[in-house]
Amino acid sequence: MIIDDNELLHLDIAQVTPKGLFFEGKTYTNSNMIKKKWFEHALREGTWQIPILFLRPNLDFLLIFDSGTYVIATPVEINQSPPEIINIYQEKLRALKEQFFEKNKKH
């Protein structure tokens, strides 16, 4: 039997950062990491490393051992929008929230 190395799970180390789980130039996340506030913790306390499993050459997901089971982390796109666009978006969002809360206060 011939086993292709690309079909095997590989073990490596990924870095938990304030922006997500970083591995080989990509950022990953999942709902467990968000619920457990991994990224907020990394912002406050500093980054740390965790072991991960993955398939080469495709890095569409990482397997992470968490709370006694394996969970999947998928890549996310980090927003590279210019700061002006982000500021306009945040201002519009704040205005909508204010309108919503003002409207609900009247009822």
PDB file of N, CA and C in Angstrom:
ATOM      1  N   MET A   1       0.843  -1.176   0.000  1.00  0.00           N
ATOM      2  CA  MET A   1       0.000   0.000   0.000  1.00  0.00           C
ATOM      3  C   MET A   1       0.890   1.240   0.000  1.00  0.00           C
ATOM      4  N   ILE A   2       0.577   2.167  -0.866  1.00  0.00           N
ATOM      5  CA  ILE A   2       1.320   3.427  -0.939  1.00  0.00           C
ATOM      6  C   ILE A   2       0.505   4.495  -0.218  1.00  0.00           C
ATOM      7  N   ILE A   3       1.152   5.174   0.712  1.00  0.00           N
ATOM      8  CA  ILE A   3       0.484   6.240   1.455  1.00  0.00           C
ATOM      9  C   ILE A   3       1.075   7.562   1.018  1.00  0.00           C
ATOM     10  N   ASP A   4       0.206   8.422   0.519  1.00  0.00           N
ATOM     11  CA  ASP A   4       0.604   9.761   0.111  1.00  0.00           C
ATOM     12  C   ASP A   4       0.739  10.628   1.367  1.00  0.00           C
ATOM     13  N   ASP A   5       1.879  11.272   1.523  1.00  0.00           N
ATOM     14  CA  ASP A   5       2.129  12.119   2.698  1.00  0.00           C
ATOM     15  C   ASP A   5       1.087  13.222   2.825  1.00  0.00           C
ATOM     16  N   ASN A   6       0.493  13.661   1.703  1.00  0.00           N
ATOM     17  CA  ASN A   6      -0.516  14.714   1.733  1.00  0.00           C
ATOM     18  C   ASN A   6      -1.829  14.239   2.340  1.00  0.00           C
ATOM     19  N   GLU A   7      -2.033  12.916   2.458  1.00  0.00           N
ATOM     20  CA  GLU A   7      -3.267  12.381   3.016  1.00  0.00           C
ATOM     21  C   GLU A   7      -3.160  12.136   4.521  1.00  0.00           C
ATOM     22  N   LEU A   8      -2.012  12.380   5.098  1.00  0.00           N
ATOM     23  CA  LEU A   8      -1.809  12.158   6.519  1.00  0.00           C
ATOM     24  C   LEU A   8      -2.028  13.442   7.309  1.00  0.00           C
ATOM     25  N   LEU A   9      -2.524  13.269   8.522  1.00  0.00           N
ATOM     26  CA  LEU A   9      -2.617  14.421   9.415  1.00  0.00           C
ATOM     27  C   LEU A   9      -1.220  14.746   9.931  1.00  0.00           C
ATOM     28  N   HIS A  10      -0.913  16.008   9.943  1.00  0.00           N
ATOM     29  CA  HIS A  10       0.384  16.471  10.433  1.00  0.00           C
ATOM     30  C   HIS A  10       0.173  17.221  11.749  1.00  0.00           C
ATOM     31  N   LEU A  11       1.158  17.143  12.605  1.00  0.00           N
ATOM     32  CA  LEU A  11       1.128  17.822  13.894  1.00  0.00           C
ATOM     33  C   LEU A  11       2.058  19.025  13.845  1.00  0.00           C
ATOM     34  N   ASP A  12       1.593  20.149  14.366  1.00  0.00           N
ATOM     35  CA  ASP A  12       2.432  21.342  14.428  1.00  0.00           C
ATOM     36  C   ASP A  12       1.911  22.236  15.552  1.00  0.00           C
ATOM     37  N   ILE A  13       2.454  23.428  15.641  1.00  0.00           N
ATOM     38  CA  ILE A  13       2.094  24.391  16.680  1.00  0.00           C
ATOM     39  C   ILE A  13       1.523  25.640  16.013  1.00  0.00           C
ATOM     40  N   ALA A  14       0.397  26.133  16.534  1.00  0.00           N
ATOM     41  CA  ALA A  14      -0.198  27.390  16.077  1.00  0.00           C
ATOM     42  C   ALA A  14      -0.153  28.384  17.230  1.00  0.00           C
ATOM     43  N   GLN A  15      -0.255  29.652  16.900  1.00  0.00           N
ATOM     44  CA  GLN A  15      -0.156  30.724  17.879  1.00  0.00           C
ATOM     45  C   GLN A  15      -1.533  31.361  18.092  1.00  0.00           C
ATOM     46  N   VAL A  16      -1.993  31.415  19.342  1.00  0.00           N
ATOM     47  CA  VAL A  16      -3.224  32.127  19.676  1.00  0.00           C
ATOM     48  C   VAL A  16      -2.856  33.593  19.884  1.00  0.00           C
ATOM     49  N   THR A  17      -3.450  34.459  19.058  1.00  0.00           N
ATOM     50  CA  THR A  17      -3.159  35.890  19.094  1.00  0.00           C
ATOM     51  C   THR A  17      -4.465  36.664  19.314  1.00  0.00           C
ATOM     52  N   PRO A  18      -4.391  37.961  19.564  1.00  0.00           N
ATOM     53  CA  PRO A  18      -5.625  38.747  19.700  1.00  0.00           C
ATOM     54  C   PRO A  18      -6.482  38.761  18.435  1.00  0.00           C
ATOM     55  N   LYS A  19      -5.896  38.481  17.281  1.00  0.00           N
ATOM     56  CA  LYS A  19      -6.649  38.497  16.022  1.00  0.00           C
ATOM     57  C   LYS A  19      -7.144  37.125  15.607  1.00  0.00           C
ATOM     58  N   GLY A  20      -6.733  36.066  16.307  1.00  0.00           N
ATOM     59  CA  GLY A  20      -7.177  34.722  15.957  1.00  0.00           C
ATOM     60  C   GLY A  20      -6.054  33.715  16.130  1.00  0.00           C
ATOM     61  N   LEU A  21      -6.324  32.500  15.705  1.00  0.00           N
ATOM     62  CA  LEU A  21      -5.337  31.426  15.756  1.00  0.00           C
ATOM     63  C   LEU A  21      -4.493  31.520  14.487  1.00  0.00           C
ATOM     64  N   PHE A  22      -3.201  31.750  14.624  1.00  0.00           N
ATOM     65  CA  PHE A  22      -2.325  32.013  13.483  1.00  0.00           C
ATOM     66  C   PHE A  22      -1.472  30.786  13.179  1.00  0.00           C
ATOM     67  N   PHE A  23      -1.506  30.355  11.888  1.00  0.00           N
ATOM     68  CA  PHE A  23      -0.700  29.225  11.461  1.00  0.00           C
ATOM     69  C   PHE A  23      -0.372  29.364   9.980  1.00  0.00           C
ATOM     70  N   GLU A  24       0.903  29.329   9.659  1.00  0.00           N
ATOM     71  CA  GLU A  24       1.411  29.399   8.286  1.00  0.00           C
ATOM     72  C   GLU A  24       0.767  30.517   7.461  1.00  0.00           C
ATOM     73  N   GLY A  25       0.733  31.706   8.037  1.00  0.00           N
ATOM     74  CA  GLY A  25       0.273  32.882   7.312  1.00  0.00           C
ATOM     75  C   GLY A  25      -1.232  33.056   7.251  1.00  0.00           C
ATOM     76  N   LYS A  26      -2.002  32.159   7.860  1.00  0.00           N
ATOM     77  CA  LYS A  26      -3.460  32.275   7.863  1.00  0.00           C
ATOM     78  C   LYS A  26      -3.956  32.428   9.292  1.00  0.00           C
ATOM     79  N   THR A  27      -5.121  33.046   9.419  1.00  0.00           N
ATOM     80  CA  THR A  27      -5.767  33.208  10.711  1.00  0.00           C
ATOM     81  C   THR A  27      -7.018  32.356  10.743  1.00  0.00           C
ATOM     82  N   TYR A  28      -7.202  31.609  11.847  1.00  0.00           N
ATOM     83  CA  TYR A  28      -8.315  30.677  11.997  1.00  0.00           C
ATOM     84  C   TYR A  28      -9.114  31.021  13.250  1.00  0.00           C
ATOM     85  N   THR A  29     -10.356  30.525  13.296  1.00  0.00           N
ATOM     86  CA  THR A  29     -11.186  30.684  14.482  1.00  0.00           C
ATOM     87  C   THR A  29     -12.280  29.624  14.473  1.00  0.00           C
ATOM     88  N   ASN A  30     -13.013  29.546  15.565  1.00  0.00           N
ATOM     89  CA  ASN A  30     -14.235  28.753  15.650  1.00  0.00           C
ATOM     90  C   ASN A  30     -15.071  29.284  16.805  1.00  0.00           C
ATOM     91  N   SER A  31     -16.286  28.783  16.938  1.00  0.00           N
ATOM     92  CA  SER A  31     -17.196  29.315  17.952  1.00  0.00           C
ATOM     93  C   SER A  31     -16.704  29.046  19.373  1.00  0.00           C
ATOM     94  N   ASN A  32     -16.044  27.919  19.605  1.00  0.00           N
ATOM     95  CA  ASN A  32     -15.526  27.625  20.945  1.00  0.00           C
ATOM     96  C   ASN A  32     -14.480  28.646  21.379  1.00  0.00           C
ATOM     97  N   MET A  33     -13.591  28.994  20.477  1.00  0.00           N
ATOM     98  CA  MET A  33     -12.557  29.980  20.802  1.00  0.00           C
ATOM     99  C   MET A  33     -13.185  31.329  21.154  1.00  0.00           C
ATOM    100  N   ILE A  34     -14.216  31.693  20.408  1.00  0.00           N
ATOM    101  CA  ILE A  34     -14.888  32.968  20.653  1.00  0.00           C
ATOM    102  C   ILE A  34     -15.630  32.913  21.986  1.00  0.00           C
ATOM    103  N   LYS A  35     -16.385  31.833  22.224  1.00  0.00           N
ATOM    104  CA  LYS A  35     -17.128  31.700  23.488  1.00  0.00           C
ATOM    105  C   LYS A  35     -16.191  31.724  24.694  1.00  0.00           C
ATOM    106  N   LYS A  36     -15.046  31.076  24.552  1.00  0.00           N
ATOM    107  CA  LYS A  36     -14.098  31.003  25.671  1.00  0.00           C
ATOM    108  C   LYS A  36     -13.176  32.224  25.740  1.00  0.00           C
ATOM    109  N   LYS A  37     -13.376  33.158  24.812  1.00  0.00           N
ATOM    110  CA  LYS A  37     -12.657  34.441  24.793  1.00  0.00           C
ATOM    111  C   LYS A  37     -11.138  34.278  24.701  1.00  0.00           C
ATOM    112  N   TRP A  38     -10.718  33.321  23.872  1.00  0.00           N
ATOM    113  CA  TRP A  38      -9.286  33.099  23.687  1.00  0.00           C
ATOM    114  C   TRP A  38      -8.581  34.362  23.220  1.00  0.00           C
ATOM    115  N   PHE A  39      -9.203  35.059  22.270  1.00  0.00           N
ATOM    116  CA  PHE A  39      -8.526  36.198  21.636  1.00  0.00           C
ATOM    117  C   PHE A  39      -8.474  37.398  22.573  1.00  0.00           C
ATOM    118  N   GLU A  40      -9.503  37.574  23.374  1.00  0.00           N
ATOM    119  CA  GLU A  40      -9.474  38.633  24.386  1.00  0.00           C
ATOM    120  C   GLU A  40      -8.397  38.326  25.432  1.00  0.00           C
ATOM    121  N   HIS A  41      -8.303  37.063  25.795  1.00  0.00           N
ATOM    122  CA  HIS A  41      -7.276  36.653  26.755  1.00  0.00           C
ATOM    123  C   HIS A  41      -5.873  36.904  26.171  1.00  0.00           C
ATOM    124  N   ALA A  42      -5.689  36.584  24.888  1.00  0.00           N
ATOM    125  CA  ALA A  42      -4.395  36.817  24.240  1.00  0.00           C
ATOM    126  C   ALA A  42      -4.063  38.310  24.211  1.00  0.00           C
ATOM    127  N   LEU A  43      -5.073  39.143  24.068  1.00  0.00           N
ATOM    128  CA  LEU A  43      -4.852  40.594  24.066  1.00  0.00           C
ATOM    129  C   LEU A  43      -4.395  41.064  25.452  1.00  0.00           C
ATOM    130  N   ARG A  44      -5.044  40.535  26.490  1.00  0.00           N
ATOM    131  CA  ARG A  44      -4.715  40.946  27.867  1.00  0.00           C
ATOM    132  C   ARG A  44      -3.423  40.327  28.378  1.00  0.00           C
ATOM    133  N   GLU A  45      -3.261  39.020  28.153  1.00  0.00           N
ATOM    134  CA  GLU A  45      -2.178  38.263  28.784  1.00  0.00           C
ATOM    135  C   GLU A  45      -0.999  37.947  27.863  1.00  0.00           C
ATOM    136  N   GLY A  46      -1.205  38.113  26.561  1.00  0.00           N
ATOM    137  CA  GLY A  46      -0.159  37.773  25.599  1.00  0.00           C
ATOM    138  C   GLY A  46      -0.489  36.489  24.848  1.00  0.00           C
ATOM    139  N   THR A  47       0.184  36.288  23.761  1.00  0.00           N
ATOM    140  CA  THR A  47      -0.087  35.132  22.909  1.00  0.00           C
ATOM    141  C   THR A  47       0.439  33.849  23.549  1.00  0.00           C
ATOM    142  N   TRP A  48      -0.096  32.718  23.096  1.00  0.00           N
ATOM    143  CA  TRP A  48       0.401  31.419  23.525  1.00  0.00           C
ATOM    144  C   TRP A  48       0.259  30.430  22.377  1.00  0.00           C
ATOM    145  N   GLN A  49       0.885  29.295  22.519  1.00  0.00           N
ATOM    146  CA  GLN A  49       0.910  28.292  21.457  1.00  0.00           C
ATOM    147  C   GLN A  49       0.067  27.081  21.837  1.00  0.00           C
ATOM    148  N   ILE A  50      -0.536  26.456  20.794  1.00  0.00           N
ATOM    149  CA  ILE A  50      -1.284  25.227  21.005  1.00  0.00           C
ATOM    150  C   ILE A  50      -0.935  24.239  19.891  1.00  0.00           C
ATOM    151  N   PRO A  51      -0.993  22.939  20.184  1.00  0.00           N
ATOM    152  CA  PRO A  51      -0.770  21.950  19.127  1.00  0.00           C
ATOM    153  C   PRO A  51      -1.999  21.857  18.228  1.00  0.00           C
ATOM    154  N   ILE A  52      -1.767  21.647  16.949  1.00  0.00           N
ATOM    155  CA  ILE A  52      -2.859  21.504  15.976  1.00  0.00           C
ATOM    156  C   ILE A  52      -2.539  20.339  15.043  1.00  0.00           C
ATOM    157  N   LEU A  53      -3.575  19.803  14.420  1.00  0.00           N
ATOM    158  CA  LEU A  53      -3.435  18.801  13.368  1.00  0.00           C
ATOM    159  C   LEU A  53      -3.977  19.400  12.081  1.00  0.00           C
ATOM    160  N   PHE A  54      -3.371  19.035  10.940  1.00  0.00           N
ATOM    161  CA  PHE A  54      -3.810  19.587   9.661  1.00  0.00           C
ATOM    162  C   PHE A  54      -3.407  18.651   8.532  1.00  0.00           C
ATOM    163  N   LEU A  55      -4.011  18.861   7.362  1.00  0.00           N
ATOM    164  CA  LEU A  55      -3.664  18.132   6.149  1.00  0.00           C
ATOM    165  C   LEU A  55      -2.882  19.047   5.229  1.00  0.00           C
ATOM    166  N   ARG A  56      -1.833  18.524   4.611  1.00  0.00           N
ATOM    167  CA  ARG A  56      -1.096  19.278   3.593  1.00  0.00           C
ATOM    168  C   ARG A  56      -1.562  18.838   2.227  1.00  0.00           C
ATOM    169  N   PRO A  57      -1.497  19.633   1.236  1.00  0.00           N
ATOM    170  CA  PRO A  57      -1.105  21.042   1.211  1.00  0.00           C
ATOM    171  C   PRO A  57      -2.287  21.955   1.523  1.00  0.00           C
ATOM    172  N   ASN A  58      -3.450  21.368   1.714  1.00  0.00           N
ATOM    173  CA  ASN A  58      -4.673  22.126   1.906  1.00  0.00           C
ATOM    174  C   ASN A  58      -4.814  22.534   3.371  1.00  0.00           C
ATOM    175  N   LEU A  59      -4.856  23.810   3.633  1.00  0.00           N
ATOM    176  CA  LEU A  59      -5.015  24.300   5.002  1.00  0.00           C
ATOM    177  C   LEU A  59      -6.405  24.916   5.192  1.00  0.00           C
ATOM    178  N   ASP A  60      -7.436  24.222   4.653  1.00  0.00           N
ATOM    179  CA  ASP A  60      -8.806  24.724   4.765  1.00  0.00           C
ATOM    180  C   ASP A  60      -9.360  24.613   6.173  1.00  0.00           C
ATOM    181  N   PHE A  61      -8.745  23.793   7.005  1.00  0.00           N
ATOM    182  CA  PHE A  61      -9.173  23.684   8.390  1.00  0.00           C
ATOM    183  C   PHE A  61      -8.025  23.154   9.238  1.00  0.00           C
ATOM    184  N   LEU A  62      -8.120  23.408  10.533  1.00  0.00           N
ATOM    185  CA  LEU A  62      -7.186  22.860  11.513  1.00  0.00           C
ATOM    186  C   LEU A  62      -8.004  22.082  12.530  1.00  0.00           C
ATOM    187  N   LEU A  63      -7.449  21.019  13.060  1.00  0.00           N
ATOM    188  CA  LEU A  63      -8.079  20.284  14.152  1.00  0.00           C
ATOM    189  C   LEU A  63      -7.386  20.669  15.449  1.00  0.00           C
ATOM    190  N   ILE A  64      -8.185  20.995  16.454  1.00  0.00           N
ATOM    191  CA  ILE A  64      -7.664  21.434  17.742  1.00  0.00           C
ATOM    192  C   ILE A  64      -8.284  20.562  18.822  1.00  0.00           C
ATOM    193  N   PHE A  65      -7.471  20.099  19.739  1.00  0.00           N
ATOM    194  CA  PHE A  65      -7.976  19.332  20.868  1.00  0.00           C
ATOM    195  C   PHE A  65      -8.384  20.314  21.949  1.00  0.00           C
ATOM    196  N   ASP A  66      -9.696  20.346  22.260  1.00  0.00           N
ATOM    197  CA  ASP A  66     -10.208  21.322  23.217  1.00  0.00           C
ATOM    198  C   ASP A  66     -11.298  20.678  24.065  1.00  0.00           C
ATOM    199  N   SER A  67     -11.147  20.737  25.364  1.00  0.00           N
ATOM    200  CA  SER A  67     -12.139  20.215  26.311  1.00  0.00           C
ATOM    201  C   SER A  67     -12.463  18.740  26.060  1.00  0.00           C
ATOM    202  N   GLY A  68     -11.441  17.945  25.778  1.00  0.00           N
ATOM    203  CA  GLY A  68     -11.622  16.515  25.640  1.00  0.00           C
ATOM    204  C   GLY A  68     -12.109  16.034  24.294  1.00  0.00           C
ATOM    205  N   THR A  69     -12.185  16.924  23.328  1.00  0.00           N
ATOM    206  CA  THR A  69     -12.635  16.524  21.994  1.00  0.00           C
ATOM    207  C   THR A  69     -11.893  17.344  20.935  1.00  0.00           C
ATOM    208  N   TYR A  70     -11.945  16.879  19.698  1.00  0.00           N
ATOM    209  CA  TYR A  70     -11.345  17.632  18.596  1.00  0.00           C
ATOM    210  C   TYR A  70     -12.388  18.554  17.992  1.00  0.00           C
ATOM    211  N   VAL A  71     -12.005  19.787  17.757  1.00  0.00           N
ATOM    212  CA  VAL A  71     -12.875  20.760  17.103  1.00  0.00           C
ATOM    213  C   VAL A  71     -12.152  21.325  15.887  1.00  0.00           C
ATOM    214  N   ILE A  72     -12.930  21.779  14.930  1.00  0.00           N
ATOM    215  CA  ILE A  72     -12.383  22.313  13.684  1.00  0.00           C
ATOM    216  C   ILE A  72     -12.309  23.829  13.768  1.00  0.00           C
ATOM    217  N   ALA A  73     -11.198  24.379  13.322  1.00  0.00           N
ATOM    218  CA  ALA A  73     -11.043  25.826  13.165  1.00  0.00           C
ATOM    219  C   ALA A  73     -10.905  26.105  11.676  1.00  0.00           C
ATOM    220  N   THR A  74     -11.608  27.123  11.205  1.00  0.00           N
ATOM    221  CA  THR A  74     -11.568  27.470   9.791  1.00  0.00           C
ATOM    222  C   THR A  74     -10.925  28.840   9.600  1.00  0.00           C
ATOM    223  N   PRO A  75     -10.360  29.072   8.415  1.00  0.00           N
ATOM    224  CA  PRO A  75      -9.695  30.359   8.172  1.00  0.00           C
ATOM    225  C   PRO A  75     -10.688  31.512   8.092  1.00  0.00           C
ATOM    226  N   VAL A  76     -10.224  32.669   8.506  1.00  0.00           N
ATOM    227  CA  VAL A  76     -11.016  33.891   8.404  1.00  0.00           C
ATOM    228  C   VAL A  76     -10.237  34.905   7.597  1.00  0.00           C
ATOM    229  N   GLU A  77     -10.958  35.815   7.002  1.00  0.00           N
ATOM    230  CA  GLU A  77     -10.314  36.884   6.247  1.00  0.00           C
ATOM    231  C   GLU A  77     -10.164  38.091   7.152  1.00  0.00           C
ATOM    232  N   ILE A  78      -8.955  38.541   7.317  1.00  0.00           N
ATOM    233  CA  ILE A  78      -8.713  39.737   8.120  1.00  0.00           C
ATOM    234  C   ILE A  78      -9.033  40.949   7.260  1.00  0.00           C
ATOM    235  N   ASN A  79      -9.851  41.847   7.804  1.00  0.00           N
ATOM    236  CA  ASN A  79     -10.295  43.020   7.066  1.00  0.00           C
ATOM    237  C   ASN A  79      -9.121  43.956   6.804  1.00  0.00           C
ATOM    238  N   GLN A  80      -8.872  44.226   5.537  1.00  0.00           N
ATOM    239  CA  GLN A  80      -7.781  45.119   5.150  1.00  0.00           C
ATOM    240  C   GLN A  80      -8.323  46.440   4.604  1.00  0.00           C
ATOM    241  N   SER A  81      -9.554  46.785   4.996  1.00  0.00           N
ATOM    242  CA  SER A  81     -10.155  48.032   4.515  1.00  0.00           C
ATOM    243  C   SER A  81      -9.393  49.232   5.058  1.00  0.00           C
ATOM    244  N   PRO A  82      -9.373  50.306   4.283  1.00  0.00           N
ATOM    245  CA  PRO A  82      -8.724  51.525   4.770  1.00  0.00           C
ATOM    246  C   PRO A  82      -9.415  52.019   6.040  1.00  0.00           C
ATOM    247  N   PRO A  83      -8.666  52.619   6.957  1.00  0.00           N
ATOM    248  CA  PRO A  83      -9.241  53.088   8.227  1.00  0.00           C
ATOM    249  C   PRO A  83     -10.425  54.039   8.045  1.00  0.00           C
ATOM    250  N   GLU A  84     -10.411  54.848   6.971  1.00  0.00           N
ATOM    251  CA  GLU A  84     -11.516  55.793   6.757  1.00  0.00           C
ATOM    252  C   GLU A  84     -12.831  55.043   6.555  1.00  0.00           C
ATOM    253  N   ILE A  85     -12.792  53.952   5.788  1.00  0.00           N
ATOM    254  CA  ILE A  85     -14.003  53.172   5.528  1.00  0.00           C
ATOM    255  C   ILE A  85     -14.483  52.503   6.808  1.00  0.00           C
ATOM    256  N   ILE A  86     -13.563  51.984   7.581  1.00  0.00           N
ATOM    257  CA  ILE A  86     -13.924  51.344   8.857  1.00  0.00           C
ATOM    258  C   ILE A  86     -14.546  52.370   9.792  1.00  0.00           C
ATOM    259  N   ASN A  87     -13.979  53.588   9.862  1.00  0.00           N
ATOM    260  CA  ASN A  87     -14.527  54.638  10.723  1.00  0.00           C
ATOM    261  C   ASN A  87     -15.937  55.033  10.301  1.00  0.00           C
ATOM    262  N   ILE A  88     -16.172  55.176   8.995  1.00  0.00           N
ATOM    263  CA  ILE A  88     -17.508  55.518   8.492  1.00  0.00           C
ATOM    264  C   ILE A  88     -18.494  54.408   8.857  1.00  0.00           C
ATOM    265  N   TYR A  89     -18.092  53.169   8.653  1.00  0.00           N
ATOM    266  CA  TYR A  89     -18.944  52.029   8.998  1.00  0.00           C
ATOM    267  C   TYR A  89     -19.300  52.055  10.481  1.00  0.00           C
ATOM    268  N   GLN A  90     -18.311  52.260  11.339  1.00  0.00           N
ATOM    269  CA  GLN A  90     -18.554  52.269  12.787  1.00  0.00           C
ATOM    270  C   GLN A  90     -19.450  53.440  13.201  1.00  0.00           C
ATOM    271  N   GLU A  91     -19.271  54.601  12.573  1.00  0.00           N
ATOM    272  CA  GLU A  91     -20.131  55.748  12.876  1.00  0.00           C
ATOM    273  C   GLU A  91     -21.578  55.465  12.495  1.00  0.00           C
ATOM    274  N   LYS A  92     -21.789  54.880  11.322  1.00  0.00           N
ATOM    275  CA  LYS A  92     -23.147  54.531  10.869  1.00  0.00           C
ATOM    276  C   LYS A  92     -23.773  53.503  11.801  1.00  0.00           C
ATOM    277  N   LEU A  93     -22.990  52.525  12.222  1.00  0.00           N
ATOM    278  CA  LEU A  93     -23.483  51.489  13.127  1.00  0.00           C
ATOM    279  C   LEU A  93     -23.876  52.101  14.476  1.00  0.00           C
ATOM    280  N   ARG A  94     -23.041  52.992  15.001  1.00  0.00           N
ATOM    281  CA  ARG A  94     -23.365  53.672  16.266  1.00  0.00           C
ATOM    282  C   ARG A  94     -24.658  54.481  16.137  1.00  0.00           C
ATOM    283  N   ALA A  95     -24.815  55.175  15.014  1.00  0.00           N
ATOM    284  CA  ALA A  95     -26.029  55.976  14.795  1.00  0.00           C
ATOM    285  C   ALA A  95     -27.263  55.072  14.754  1.00  0.00           C
ATOM    286  N   LEU A  96     -27.171  53.940  14.100  1.00  0.00           N
ATOM    287  CA  LEU A  96     -28.299  53.004  14.051  1.00  0.00           C
ATOM    288  C   LEU A  96     -28.635  52.471  15.445  1.00  0.00           C
ATOM    289  N   LYS A  97     -27.605  52.165  16.225  1.00  0.00           N
ATOM    290  CA  LYS A  97     -27.839  51.681  17.592  1.00  0.00           C
ATOM    291  C   LYS A  97     -28.536  52.754  18.435  1.00  0.00           C
ATOM    292  N   GLU A  98     -28.076  53.989  18.303  1.00  0.00           N
ATOM    293  CA  GLU A  98     -28.688  55.078  19.057  1.00  0.00           C
ATOM    294  C   GLU A  98     -30.154  55.253  18.669  1.00  0.00           C
ATOM    295  N   GLN A  99     -30.440  55.179  17.371  1.00  0.00           N
ATOM    296  CA  GLN A  99     -31.825  55.284  16.906  1.00  0.00           C
ATOM    297  C   GLN A  99     -32.664  54.149  17.483  1.00  0.00           C
ATOM    298  N   PHE A 100     -32.138  52.970  17.478  1.00  0.00           N
ATOM    299  CA  PHE A 100     -32.846  51.803  17.982  1.00  0.00           C
ATOM    300  C   PHE A 100     -33.162  51.965  19.467  1.00  0.00           C
ATOM    301  N   PHE A 101     -32.166  52.364  20.262  1.00  0.00           N
ATOM    302  CA  PHE A 101     -32.376  52.509  21.699  1.00  0.00           C
ATOM    303  C   PHE A 101     -33.316  53.668  22.020  1.00  0.00           C
ATOM    304  N   GLU A 102     -33.205  54.759  21.279  1.00  0.00           N
ATOM    305  CA  GLU A 102     -34.128  55.902  21.486  1.00  0.00           C
ATOM    306  C   GLU A 102     -35.550  55.492  21.164  1.00  0.00           C
ATOM    307  N   LYS A 103     -35.728  54.751  20.100  1.00  0.00           N
ATOM    308  CA  LYS A 103     -37.067  54.306  19.692  1.00  0.00           C
ATOM    309  C   LYS A 103     -37.645  53.371  20.757  1.00  0.00           C
ATOM    310  N   ASN A 104     -36.841  52.484  21.319  1.00  0.00           N
ATOM    311  CA  ASN A 104     -37.316  51.549  22.323  1.00  0.00           C
ATOM    312  C   ASN A 104     -37.573  52.211  23.667  1.00  0.00           C
ATOM    313  N   LYS A 105     -36.904  53.338  23.960  1.00  0.00           N
ATOM    314  CA  LYS A 105     -37.150  54.063  25.206  1.00  0.00           C
ATOM    315  C   LYS A 105     -38.552  54.658  25.217  1.00  0.00           C
ATOM    316  N   LYS A 106     -39.025  55.082  24.055  1.00  0.00           N
ATOM    317  CA  LYS A 106     -40.337  55.733  23.931  1.00  0.00           C
ATOM    318  C   LYS A 106     -41.474  54.740  24.118  1.00  0.00           C
ATOM    319  N   HIS A 107     -41.216  53.459  23.885  1.00  0.00           N
ATOM    320  CA  HIS A 107     -42.284  52.450  23.985  1.00  0.00           C
ATOM    321  C   HIS A 107     -42.328  51.825  25.310  1.00  0.00           C
TER     322      HIS A 107
END
